[in-house]
Amino acid sequence: MKIKSSIKKICNKCIIIKRKRKVFVFCYYKKHKQKQL
């Protein structure tokens, strides 16, 4: 999982999810997983 200050969708299968003031990107491709600081 990559931790970044700003996150974006990398491909069409990426999904942005907001949980308790944190933003995540989950995807079919595990390399695309991201978390916002």
PDB file of N, CA and C in Angstrom:
ATOM      1  N   MET A   1       0.841  -1.185   0.000  1.00  0.00           N
ATOM      2  CA  MET A   1       0.000   0.000   0.000  1.00  0.00           C
ATOM      3  C   MET A   1       0.882   1.242   0.000  1.00  0.00           C
ATOM      4  N   LYS A   2       0.567   2.176  -0.882  1.00  0.00           N
ATOM      5  CA  LYS A   2       1.301   3.432  -0.952  1.00  0.00           C
ATOM      6  C   LYS A   2       0.584   4.468  -0.094  1.00  0.00           C
ATOM      7  N   ILE A   3       1.351   5.291   0.620  1.00  0.00           N
ATOM      8  CA  ILE A   3       0.776   6.357   1.438  1.00  0.00           C
ATOM      9  C   ILE A   3       1.178   7.685   0.815  1.00  0.00           C
ATOM     10  N   LYS A   4       0.175   8.469   0.405  1.00  0.00           N
ATOM     11  CA  LYS A   4       0.429   9.716  -0.307  1.00  0.00           C
ATOM     12  C   LYS A   4      -0.408  10.844   0.277  1.00  0.00           C
ATOM     13  N   SER A   5      -0.012  12.085  -0.040  1.00  0.00           N
ATOM     14  CA  SER A   5      -0.797  13.236   0.403  1.00  0.00           C
ATOM     15  C   SER A   5      -2.028  13.444  -0.472  1.00  0.00           C
ATOM     16  N   SER A   6      -1.915  13.126  -1.760  1.00  0.00           N
ATOM     17  CA  SER A   6      -3.086  13.186  -2.644  1.00  0.00           C
ATOM     18  C   SER A   6      -3.140  11.893  -3.452  1.00  0.00           C
ATOM     19  N   ILE A   7      -4.308  11.300  -3.490  1.00  0.00           N
ATOM     20  CA  ILE A   7      -4.451  10.020  -4.181  1.00  0.00           C
ATOM     21  C   ILE A   7      -5.401  10.156  -5.362  1.00  0.00           C
ATOM     22  N   LYS A   8      -5.162   9.352  -6.375  1.00  0.00           N
ATOM     23  CA  LYS A   8      -5.968   9.363  -7.600  1.00  0.00           C
ATOM     24  C   LYS A   8      -6.224   7.935  -8.037  1.00  0.00           C
ATOM     25  N   LYS A   9      -7.254   7.784  -8.837  1.00  0.00           N
ATOM     26  CA  LYS A   9      -7.497   6.490  -9.463  1.00  0.00           C
ATOM     27  C   LYS A   9      -6.435   6.267 -10.526  1.00  0.00           C
ATOM     28  N   ILE A  10      -5.876   5.081 -10.575  1.00  0.00           N
ATOM     29  CA  ILE A  10      -4.854   4.762 -11.571  1.00  0.00           C
ATOM     30  C   ILE A  10      -5.494   4.100 -12.792  1.00  0.00           C
ATOM     31  N   CYS A  11      -6.517   3.267 -12.544  1.00  0.00           N
ATOM     32  CA  CYS A  11      -7.194   2.585 -13.650  1.00  0.00           C
ATOM     33  C   CYS A  11      -8.709   2.633 -13.428  1.00  0.00           C
ATOM     34  N   ASN A  12      -9.459   2.055 -14.340  1.00  0.00           N
ATOM     35  CA  ASN A  12     -10.923   2.075 -14.254  1.00  0.00           C
ATOM     36  C   ASN A  12     -11.471   1.196 -13.137  1.00  0.00           C
ATOM     37  N   LYS A  13     -10.693   0.233 -12.676  1.00  0.00           N
ATOM     38  CA  LYS A  13     -11.165  -0.678 -11.633  1.00  0.00           C
ATOM     39  C   LYS A  13     -10.908  -0.152 -10.227  1.00  0.00           C
ATOM     40  N   CYS A  14     -10.202   0.947 -10.110  1.00  0.00           N
ATOM     41  CA  CYS A  14      -9.919   1.535  -8.800  1.00  0.00           C
ATOM     42  C   CYS A  14     -11.191   2.135  -8.200  1.00  0.00           C
ATOM     43  N   ILE A  15     -11.344   1.947  -6.886  1.00  0.00           N
ATOM     44  CA  ILE A  15     -12.506   2.467  -6.167  1.00  0.00           C
ATOM     45  C   ILE A  15     -12.007   3.336  -5.018  1.00  0.00           C
ATOM     46  N   ILE A  16     -12.583   4.540  -4.886  1.00  0.00           N
ATOM     47  CA  ILE A  16     -12.227   5.430  -3.785  1.00  0.00           C
ATOM     48  C   ILE A  16     -13.224   5.224  -2.646  1.00  0.00           C
ATOM     49  N   ILE A  17     -12.710   4.980  -1.440  1.00  0.00           N
ATOM     50  CA  ILE A  17     -13.551   4.736  -0.267  1.00  0.00           C
ATOM     51  C   ILE A  17     -13.130   5.691   0.846  1.00  0.00           C
ATOM     52  N   LYS A  18     -14.114   6.345   1.479  1.00  0.00           N
ATOM     53  CA  LYS A  18     -13.842   7.247   2.598  1.00  0.00           C
ATOM     54  C   LYS A  18     -14.319   6.592   3.885  1.00  0.00           C
ATOM     55  N   ARG A  19     -13.403   6.468   4.853  1.00  0.00           N
ATOM     56  CA  ARG A  19     -13.727   5.865   6.151  1.00  0.00           C
ATOM     57  C   ARG A  19     -13.108   6.688   7.268  1.00  0.00           C
ATOM     58  N   LYS A  20     -13.942   7.243   8.119  1.00  0.00           N
ATOM     59  CA  LYS A  20     -13.483   7.974   9.313  1.00  0.00           C
ATOM     60  C   LYS A  20     -12.377   8.975   8.990  1.00  0.00           C
ATOM     61  N   ARG A  21     -12.654   9.886   8.090  1.00  0.00           N
ATOM     62  CA  ARG A  21     -11.722  10.954   7.678  1.00  0.00           C
ATOM     63  C   ARG A  21     -10.486  10.456   6.942  1.00  0.00           C
ATOM     64  N   LYS A  22     -10.429   9.187   6.597  1.00  0.00           N
ATOM     65  CA  LYS A  22      -9.314   8.663   5.811  1.00  0.00           C
ATOM     66  C   LYS A  22      -9.836   8.239   4.447  1.00  0.00           C
ATOM     67  N   VAL A  23      -9.018   8.409   3.432  1.00  0.00           N
ATOM     68  CA  VAL A  23      -9.412   8.071   2.067  1.00  0.00           C
ATOM     69  C   VAL A  23      -8.506   6.952   1.571  1.00  0.00           C
ATOM     70  N   PHE A  24      -9.127   5.937   0.991  1.00  0.00           N
ATOM     71  CA  PHE A  24      -8.399   4.787   0.474  1.00  0.00           C
ATOM     72  C   PHE A  24      -8.740   4.579  -0.989  1.00  0.00           C
ATOM     73  N   VAL A  25      -7.815   3.966  -1.716  1.00  0.00           N
ATOM     74  CA  VAL A  25      -8.097   3.467  -3.062  1.00  0.00           C
ATOM     75  C   VAL A  25      -7.845   1.966  -3.038  1.00  0.00           C
ATOM     76  N   PHE A  26      -8.889   1.205  -3.381  1.00  0.00           N
ATOM     77  CA  PHE A  26      -8.764  -0.243  -3.499  1.00  0.00           C
ATOM     78  C   PHE A  26      -8.961  -0.619  -4.953  1.00  0.00           C
ATOM     79  N   CYS A  27      -8.315  -1.695  -5.355  1.00  0.00           N
ATOM     80  CA  CYS A  27      -8.350  -2.068  -6.764  1.00  0.00           C
ATOM     81  C   CYS A  27      -8.144  -3.568  -6.914  1.00  0.00           C
ATOM     82  N   TYR A  28      -8.539  -4.059  -8.071  1.00  0.00           N
ATOM     83  CA  TYR A  28      -8.274  -5.450  -8.449  1.00  0.00           C
ATOM     84  C   TYR A  28      -6.763  -5.692  -8.486  1.00  0.00           C
ATOM     85  N   TYR A  29      -6.011  -4.684  -8.969  1.00  0.00           N
ATOM     86  CA  TYR A  29      -4.554  -4.777  -9.009  1.00  0.00           C
ATOM     87  C   TYR A  29      -4.008  -4.302  -7.664  1.00  0.00           C
ATOM     88  N   LYS A  30      -3.301  -5.173  -6.966  1.00  0.00           N
ATOM     89  CA  LYS A  30      -2.860  -4.854  -5.611  1.00  0.00           C
ATOM     90  C   LYS A  30      -1.826  -3.728  -5.555  1.00  0.00           C
ATOM     91  N   LYS A  31      -1.128  -3.487  -6.653  1.00  0.00           N
ATOM     92  CA  LYS A  31      -0.162  -2.389  -6.683  1.00  0.00           C
ATOM     93  C   LYS A  31      -0.840  -1.022  -6.640  1.00  0.00           C
ATOM     94  N   HIS A  32      -2.120  -0.958  -6.939  1.00  0.00           N
ATOM     95  CA  HIS A  32      -2.840   0.310  -6.998  1.00  0.00           C
ATOM     96  C   HIS A  32      -3.420   0.732  -5.649  1.00  0.00           C
ATOM     97  N   LYS A  33      -3.232  -0.076  -4.612  1.00  0.00           N
ATOM     98  CA  LYS A  33      -3.768   0.280  -3.293  1.00  0.00           C
ATOM     99  C   LYS A  33      -3.060   1.518  -2.754  1.00  0.00           C
ATOM    100  N   GLN A  34      -3.868   2.489  -2.269  1.00  0.00           N
ATOM    101  CA  GLN A  34      -3.310   3.734  -1.746  1.00  0.00           C
ATOM    102  C   GLN A  34      -4.070   4.171  -0.502  1.00  0.00           C
ATOM    103  N   LYS A  35      -3.383   4.985   0.300  1.00  0.00           N
ATOM    104  CA  LYS A  35      -3.989   5.537   1.513  1.00  0.00           C
ATOM    105  C   LYS A  35      -3.559   6.989   1.623  1.00  0.00           C
ATOM    106  N   GLN A  36      -4.493   7.849   2.009  1.00  0.00           N
ATOM    107  CA  GLN A  36      -4.167   9.265   2.143  1.00  0.00           C
ATOM    108  C   GLN A  36      -3.728   9.571   3.568  1.00  0.00           C
ATOM    109  N   LEU A  37      -2.755  10.456   3.700  1.00  0.00           N
ATOM    110  CA  LEU A  37      -2.251  10.843   5.022  1.00  0.00           C
ATOM    111  C   LEU A  37      -3.294  11.567   5.832  1.00  0.00           C
TER     112      LEU A  37
END
